Amino acid sequence: MPTHPSPRLPTDIRNPVTRDRITFLASPLSGDGAELRFRCTLPPRGEGAPLHKHDTMTETFAVESGVLEVSLANGRRILLRAGEAIAIPPGTPHGFRNPGDAPVTFLTTADEGEGLETFLRGMYALAAAGETTAAGMPRDPRAIGLLLGYGNLVMVGVPRGLQNALLGLLGWAARLTGTDRRLAHLVRQP
């Protein structure tokens, strides 16, 4: 994905499959600097993100309303309520979900946000195009391979060497078939 700022991208995106929504407050892809800031609302019982980690990025979650469950390594779970926050340092396994019967809204910041923003916009664009499963995962493994790579996302529980090899192979296949160009177009649609 090019790292050059584009014209302003939409500030509000919705995932019609998972029913969550994001409002971008600072968008690296729109030229707002390196830090990504967005407000996310997960519906009741919304799954959020499975256990993963980022090699170099610090991610912060600050709950504005509702309850956010943050999962950490070794099965530890933390419930954050309105006014509470957590900073996740690089290399720390984490995931999140809405355990409640009401929506949860939280503010997220990521100090190296361009890749995460690309991941989020790509996942939502694929969902809007009808190209995901009922769980919101892309049907095309080349797309998920590219997006995981862009987002600096390392899935916990998959050996790192195997994960790197798979992402490399999927990235090669995506470039060979034009999937990377198509995904870049979807991500940068105004």
Foldseek 3Di string as FASTA:
>chain_A
DDQDADADDAQKFAQPLQGKIKGWPAASNNPRDFKTKIKIKGAAFRFFFDWKFFAQKKKKKAWQAAWKWKAWPPGDIDIHHHGDMDIDGGPTIITMTHNGNGMTMIMMMINRPNLLLLLVLLLRLCSVVVQADSSSHGPQVLSVLVSCVSNSIGHPPDPPVVNVVSSVVSPVVCVVVVVVVVSVCSSRDD
